[in-house]
Amino acid sequence: MDCAQAKEVLGESRAGRLDDVTRAALDAHLEGCADCRRADAVERALDAALAEQLPRHRPSPGFERRLREGLGAAGAGTRRAGVPAPAPSRRSAGLGAGWRVFATPFASALGAAALVVLVLRLGAPRAPGGTPNERSSAAPLESWDLIDEAVSDHLRVVASTRPPEIASGGIHQVKPWFTGRVDFAPRVAFAGDDEFPLVGGSLGYVRDQKAAVFQLRRRLHAITLLVFPAAGLPWPRGDAVSLAGREVVERAARGFSVLLWRDADLGYALVSDVARPELEALVPKITPMR
């Protein structure tokens, strides 16, 4: 096993999902590779810090209803009324207790995986085009904090062991990827440069609306840019600074700097642990004055 292969399975190793052969190969590689041991230690420390510090939000009032409805729909799709379940074949009946010993935990794992997927689909924030009941079930706007959500989205991005959903081949590759995935066109003029290379992009959410997430770097520091429809969202109060003609709200939260500004109908949030002046230098690059 080489370094590239080892780093691909480090996340699975921490989750305890490696088979014995791969586990042994990874252990042998880590024993002789200081770089991969260091990478593994950093990821484990990050996992522990996120588990301890990330906020735990209560599900929305409509979550249980949507979950029940979804479970009911899933059951109805596999069992139509009036159609009896097929009788077990003689072959399956003859497999005996040995098969059941194997099949029961396997079926339980499949059921748990299906439930997790369903929960993620039903519990994720919905786009504003949902039903009135779904929209009314969202948390009250006055109890919602844009700064906190931007930091949580940044932590989700940096904690991911997967590559970006669209790896950067330049802004003209990343921006078109969002077409059809978000219901707006993200206006981002910055294509990345030597100081702030563009890593890629992915989908995110700001409250109940899809957001375009752009991932940049400053040396070893991750920078997350969220672009989202700003209409109807409560904006943080307080003094704003003027950066290249933009009124920018600057805050510190959980050790990160957060910069928020608007350009017409879109909102922008920059989050990172880089020095704030470095983050400020990105604002006119991302949304230059027209």
Protein backbone atom coordinates (compact mmCIF):
# COMPACT_ATOMS: atom_id res chain seq x y z
CA MET A 1 0.00 0.00 0.00
CA ASP A 2 1.37 3.42 -0.99
CA CYS A 3 0.60 6.86 0.49
CA ALA A 4 -2.22 7.68 -1.93
CA GLN A 5 -3.97 4.39 -1.20
CA ALA A 6 -3.45 4.82 2.53
CA LYS A 7 -4.98 8.31 2.60
CA GLU A 8 -8.01 7.06 0.67
CA VAL A 9 -8.86 4.55 3.41
CA LEU A 10 -7.91 6.52 6.53
CA GLY A 11 -11.49 7.71 6.97
CA GLU A 12 -12.84 4.16 6.66
CA SER A 13 -10.23 3.01 9.16
CA ARG A 14 -11.30 5.58 11.76
CA ALA A 15 -14.90 4.47 11.28
CA GLY A 16 -13.92 0.81 11.78
CA ARG A 17 -15.13 -0.25 8.34
CA LEU A 18 -11.98 -1.83 6.88
CA ASP A 19 -11.68 -5.56 6.25
CA ASP A 20 -8.86 -7.44 7.95
CA VAL A 21 -6.60 -7.55 4.89
CA THR A 22 -6.85 -3.80 4.17
CA ARG A 23 -6.52 -3.01 7.87
CA ALA A 24 -3.30 -5.02 8.09
CA ALA A 25 -1.89 -3.37 4.94
CA LEU A 26 -2.72 0.09 6.30
CA ASP A 27 -1.15 -0.67 9.69
CA ALA A 28 2.03 -1.86 7.98
CA HIS A 29 2.18 1.30 5.86
CA LEU A 30 1.56 3.63 8.82
CA GLU A 31 4.29 1.92 10.79
CA GLY A 32 6.86 2.95 8.21
CA CYS A 33 5.43 6.28 6.96
CA ALA A 34 5.67 9.31 9.23
CA ASP A 35 3.70 11.54 6.82
CA CYS A 36 0.67 9.27 6.78
CA ARG A 37 0.84 8.77 10.56
CA ARG A 38 0.80 12.54 10.95
CA ALA A 39 -2.15 12.87 8.53
CA ASP A 40 -4.04 10.19 10.44
CA ALA A 41 -3.35 11.90 13.77
CA VAL A 42 -4.54 15.27 12.43
CA GLU A 43 -7.77 13.74 11.11
CA ARG A 44 -8.42 11.94 14.38
CA ALA A 45 -7.86 15.14 16.35
CA LEU A 46 -10.22 17.01 14.02
CA ASP A 47 -12.87 14.31 14.38
CA ALA A 48 -12.62 14.55 18.16
CA ALA A 49 -12.78 18.35 18.16
CA LEU A 50 -15.80 18.43 15.86
CA ALA A 51 -17.61 15.79 17.89
CA GLU A 52 -17.06 17.87 21.01
CA GLN A 53 -17.69 21.38 19.68
CA LEU A 54 -20.16 21.17 16.80
CA PRO A 55 -23.63 22.36 17.83
CA ARG A 56 -26.40 19.80 18.09
CA HIS A 57 -29.59 21.19 16.65
CA ARG A 58 -33.03 19.91 17.49
CA PRO A 59 -34.97 18.67 14.44
CA SER A 60 -37.65 20.97 13.08
CA PRO A 61 -41.26 20.38 14.23
CA GLY A 62 -42.15 18.93 10.83
CA PHE A 63 -39.25 16.47 10.72
CA GLU A 64 -41.06 13.58 12.44
CA ARG A 65 -44.08 14.03 10.19
CA ARG A 66 -41.94 13.99 7.05
CA LEU A 67 -40.05 10.96 8.30
CA ARG A 68 -43.25 9.03 8.97
CA GLU A 69 -44.69 10.02 5.60
CA GLY A 70 -41.49 8.99 3.87
CA LEU A 71 -41.36 5.65 5.64
CA GLY A 72 -44.97 5.04 4.73
CA ALA A 73 -44.33 5.91 1.09
CA ALA A 74 -41.30 3.63 1.00
CA GLY A 75 -43.36 0.77 2.39
CA ALA A 76 -46.21 1.39 -0.03
CA GLY A 77 -43.84 1.35 -2.96
CA THR A 78 -42.69 -2.18 -2.16
CA ARG A 79 -46.04 -3.64 -1.04
CA ARG A 80 -49.13 -2.86 -3.11
CA ALA A 81 -52.55 -3.37 -1.59
CA GLY A 82 -54.15 -6.69 -2.47
CA VAL A 83 -50.94 -8.26 -3.78
CA PRO A 84 -49.77 -11.01 -1.41
CA ALA A 85 -46.09 -11.36 -0.66
CA PRO A 86 -44.47 -14.15 -2.72
CA ALA A 87 -44.04 -17.42 -0.89
CA PRO A 88 -40.44 -18.39 -0.16
CA SER A 89 -38.91 -20.74 -2.70
CA ARG A 90 -37.91 -24.24 -1.70
CA ARG A 91 -34.32 -23.26 -2.25
CA SER A 92 -34.48 -20.31 0.18
CA ALA A 93 -36.50 -22.35 2.66
CA GLY A 94 -33.85 -25.04 2.60
CA LEU A 95 -31.01 -22.72 3.41
CA GLY A 96 -31.83 -23.17 7.09
CA ALA A 97 -30.58 -21.48 10.21
CA GLY A 98 -27.07 -20.99 8.85
CA TRP A 99 -28.38 -18.61 6.20
CA ARG A 100 -30.48 -16.74 8.77
CA VAL A 101 -27.44 -16.22 10.99
CA PHE A 102 -25.71 -14.52 8.05
CA ALA A 103 -28.73 -12.72 6.60
CA THR A 104 -30.16 -11.17 9.75
CA PRO A 105 -27.29 -8.77 10.56
CA PHE A 106 -26.83 -8.07 6.83
CA ALA A 107 -30.49 -7.16 6.44
CA SER A 108 -30.34 -5.05 9.58
CA ALA A 109 -27.36 -3.16 8.21
CA LEU A 110 -29.16 -2.56 4.92
CA GLY A 111 -32.24 -1.36 6.79
CA ALA A 112 -30.17 1.00 8.92
CA ALA A 113 -28.42 2.38 5.85
CA ALA A 114 -31.77 2.94 4.10
CA LEU A 115 -33.12 4.73 7.18
CA VAL A 116 -30.06 7.00 7.34
CA VAL A 117 -30.49 7.94 3.67
CA LEU A 118 -34.18 8.62 4.26
CA VAL A 119 -33.48 10.74 7.33
CA LEU A 120 -30.87 12.77 5.45
CA ARG A 121 -33.28 13.34 2.56
CA LEU A 122 -36.26 14.22 4.72
CA GLY A 123 -34.41 16.05 7.48
CA ALA A 124 -32.32 18.24 5.21
CA PRO A 125 -33.49 21.82 4.80
CA ARG A 126 -36.03 22.16 2.00
CA ALA A 127 -35.92 24.63 -0.85
CA PRO A 128 -38.40 27.51 -0.65
CA GLY A 129 -40.60 25.82 -3.23
CA GLY A 130 -41.89 23.26 -0.71
CA THR A 131 -45.44 22.99 0.58
CA PRO A 132 -46.84 25.62 2.98
CA ASN A 133 -46.75 23.07 5.80
CA GLU A 134 -43.07 22.36 5.16
CA ARG A 135 -42.22 26.05 5.11
CA SER A 136 -44.13 26.72 8.33
CA SER A 137 -42.28 23.89 10.07
CA ALA A 138 -38.91 25.63 9.75
CA ALA A 139 -37.33 27.20 12.81
CA PRO A 140 -38.43 30.80 13.46
CA LEU A 141 -36.26 33.36 11.71
CA GLU A 142 -35.65 35.29 14.90
CA SER A 143 -33.99 32.23 16.50
CA TRP A 144 -31.75 31.57 13.50
CA ASP A 145 -28.18 32.88 13.25
CA LEU A 146 -26.54 33.35 9.83
CA ILE A 147 -23.07 33.66 11.38
CA ASP A 148 -23.43 30.36 13.23
CA GLU A 149 -24.74 28.56 10.16
CA ALA A 150 -21.89 29.85 8.00
CA VAL A 151 -19.32 28.55 10.51
CA SER A 152 -21.10 25.18 10.74
CA ASP A 153 -21.07 24.88 6.94
CA HIS A 154 -17.34 25.70 6.90
CA LEU A 155 -16.66 23.00 9.50
CA ARG A 156 -18.68 20.49 7.48
CA VAL A 157 -16.52 21.24 4.44
CA VAL A 158 -13.16 20.99 6.21
CA ALA A 159 -14.18 17.86 8.13
CA SER A 160 -15.16 15.97 4.98
CA THR A 161 -12.79 13.17 4.00
CA ARG A 162 -14.14 13.24 0.43
CA PRO A 163 -12.89 15.49 -2.39
CA PRO A 164 -15.09 18.40 -3.54
CA GLU A 165 -18.15 17.41 -5.56
CA ILE A 166 -16.59 19.29 -8.48
CA ALA A 167 -12.80 19.58 -8.44
CA SER A 168 -11.44 22.82 -9.76
CA GLY A 169 -10.33 23.09 -13.32
CA GLY A 170 -10.94 26.82 -13.07
CA ILE A 171 -13.99 28.96 -12.31
CA HIS A 172 -15.41 28.25 -15.77
CA GLN A 173 -15.57 24.58 -14.86
CA VAL A 174 -16.86 25.02 -11.31
CA LYS A 175 -19.60 27.63 -11.91
CA PRO A 176 -21.40 25.71 -14.72
CA TRP A 177 -21.57 22.65 -12.45
CA PHE A 178 -24.12 24.46 -10.29
CA THR A 179 -26.56 24.86 -13.21
CA GLY A 180 -29.63 22.82 -12.37
CA ARG A 181 -28.32 22.08 -8.87
CA VAL A 182 -29.22 25.48 -7.40
CA ASP A 183 -32.09 27.73 -8.44
CA PHE A 184 -29.92 30.81 -9.05
CA ALA A 185 -26.73 31.69 -10.92
CA PRO A 186 -23.86 32.28 -8.44
CA ARG A 187 -22.11 35.49 -9.42
CA VAL A 188 -18.45 34.87 -8.56
CA ALA A 189 -15.83 36.70 -10.61
CA PHE A 190 -12.78 35.26 -8.85
CA ALA A 191 -11.14 32.32 -10.63
CA GLY A 192 -8.50 31.70 -7.96
CA ASP A 193 -4.84 32.73 -8.12
CA ASP A 194 -1.49 31.78 -6.62
CA GLU A 195 -2.38 33.35 -3.26
CA PHE A 196 -5.92 31.95 -3.07
CA PRO A 197 -6.20 28.83 -5.28
CA LEU A 198 -9.70 27.57 -6.05
CA VAL A 199 -10.03 23.96 -4.85
CA GLY A 200 -13.53 23.14 -6.07
CA GLY A 201 -17.22 23.43 -5.25
CA SER A 202 -20.14 21.60 -3.70
CA LEU A 203 -23.75 22.06 -2.67
CA GLY A 204 -24.71 23.46 0.71
CA TYR A 205 -27.71 24.98 2.48
CA VAL A 206 -28.36 28.30 4.13
CA ARG A 207 -31.45 27.91 6.24
CA ASP A 208 -33.98 26.26 3.87
CA GLN A 209 -32.35 27.26 0.57
CA LYS A 210 -29.67 25.63 -1.52
CA ALA A 211 -26.33 27.43 -1.59
CA ALA A 212 -23.30 27.26 -3.85
CA VAL A 213 -20.15 26.42 -1.88
CA PHE A 214 -16.74 27.39 -3.27
CA GLN A 215 -13.63 26.02 -1.57
CA LEU A 216 -10.40 28.02 -1.63
CA ARG A 217 -7.10 27.83 0.20
CA ARG A 218 -4.58 30.25 1.66
CA ARG A 219 -1.38 28.26 2.22
CA LEU A 220 -2.58 25.44 4.56
CA HIS A 221 -5.78 27.25 5.57
CA ALA A 222 -9.18 26.33 4.16
CA ILE A 223 -11.54 29.11 3.06
CA THR A 224 -15.23 28.55 2.42
CA LEU A 225 -17.33 30.90 0.29
CA LEU A 226 -21.11 30.47 0.48
CA VAL A 227 -23.32 32.11 -2.14
CA PHE A 228 -27.06 32.06 -1.49
CA PRO A 229 -30.32 33.96 -2.15
CA ALA A 230 -30.47 36.72 0.48
CA ALA A 231 -34.15 37.69 0.19
CA GLY A 232 -36.03 37.30 3.47
CA LEU A 233 -33.01 36.30 5.56
CA PRO A 234 -32.30 38.25 8.77
CA TRP A 235 -29.00 40.06 8.41
CA PRO A 236 -26.69 40.46 11.42
CA ARG A 237 -27.02 43.87 13.03
CA GLY A 238 -24.17 46.19 13.82
CA ASP A 239 -21.59 48.31 12.13
CA ALA A 240 -20.29 47.27 8.72
CA VAL A 241 -17.00 48.15 7.07
CA SER A 242 -16.70 49.35 3.50
CA LEU A 243 -14.53 47.15 1.29
CA ALA A 244 -14.22 48.21 -2.36
CA GLY A 245 -17.66 49.78 -2.20
CA ARG A 246 -19.31 46.81 -0.43
CA GLU A 247 -20.83 47.07 3.05
CA VAL A 248 -19.34 44.03 4.79
CA VAL A 249 -20.38 42.71 8.20
CA GLU A 250 -17.40 41.21 10.04
CA ARG A 251 -17.72 38.84 12.96
CA ALA A 252 -15.64 36.29 14.88
CA ALA A 253 -17.29 33.01 15.89
CA ARG A 254 -15.75 29.84 17.34
CA GLY A 255 -12.27 30.99 16.38
CA PHE A 256 -13.14 31.79 12.76
CA SER A 257 -13.50 35.07 10.92
CA VAL A 258 -16.80 35.51 9.06
CA LEU A 259 -17.41 38.19 6.40
CA LEU A 260 -20.94 38.77 5.11
CA TRP A 261 -22.11 41.03 2.31
CA ARG A 262 -24.79 41.32 -0.35
CA ASP A 263 -24.68 41.92 -4.07
CA ALA A 264 -28.19 42.65 -5.37
CA ASP A 265 -30.29 39.55 -4.59
CA LEU A 266 -27.44 37.30 -3.48
CA GLY A 267 -25.69 36.95 -0.12
CA TYR A 268 -22.05 36.02 0.35
CA ALA A 269 -20.31 34.51 3.38
CA LEU A 270 -16.55 34.00 3.68
CA VAL A 271 -15.33 31.83 6.55
CA SER A 272 -11.78 30.89 7.52
CA ASP A 273 -9.18 30.94 10.29
CA VAL A 274 -6.80 33.06 8.19
CA ALA A 275 -6.01 36.59 9.37
CA ARG A 276 -8.97 38.87 8.75
CA PRO A 277 -7.06 41.31 6.48
CA GLU A 278 -6.23 38.39 4.17
CA LEU A 279 -9.89 37.41 4.05
CA GLU A 280 -10.88 41.03 3.36
CA ALA A 281 -8.63 41.03 0.30
CA LEU A 282 -10.91 38.44 -1.30
CA VAL A 283 -14.09 40.52 -1.19
CA PRO A 284 -13.33 42.83 -4.17
CA LYS A 285 -11.99 39.85 -6.11
CA ILE A 286 -15.17 37.82 -5.64
CA THR A 287 -17.69 40.60 -6.32
CA PRO A 288 -15.96 43.54 -8.01
CA MET A 289 -18.02 46.72 -8.37
CA ARG A 290 -19.80 46.82 -11.70
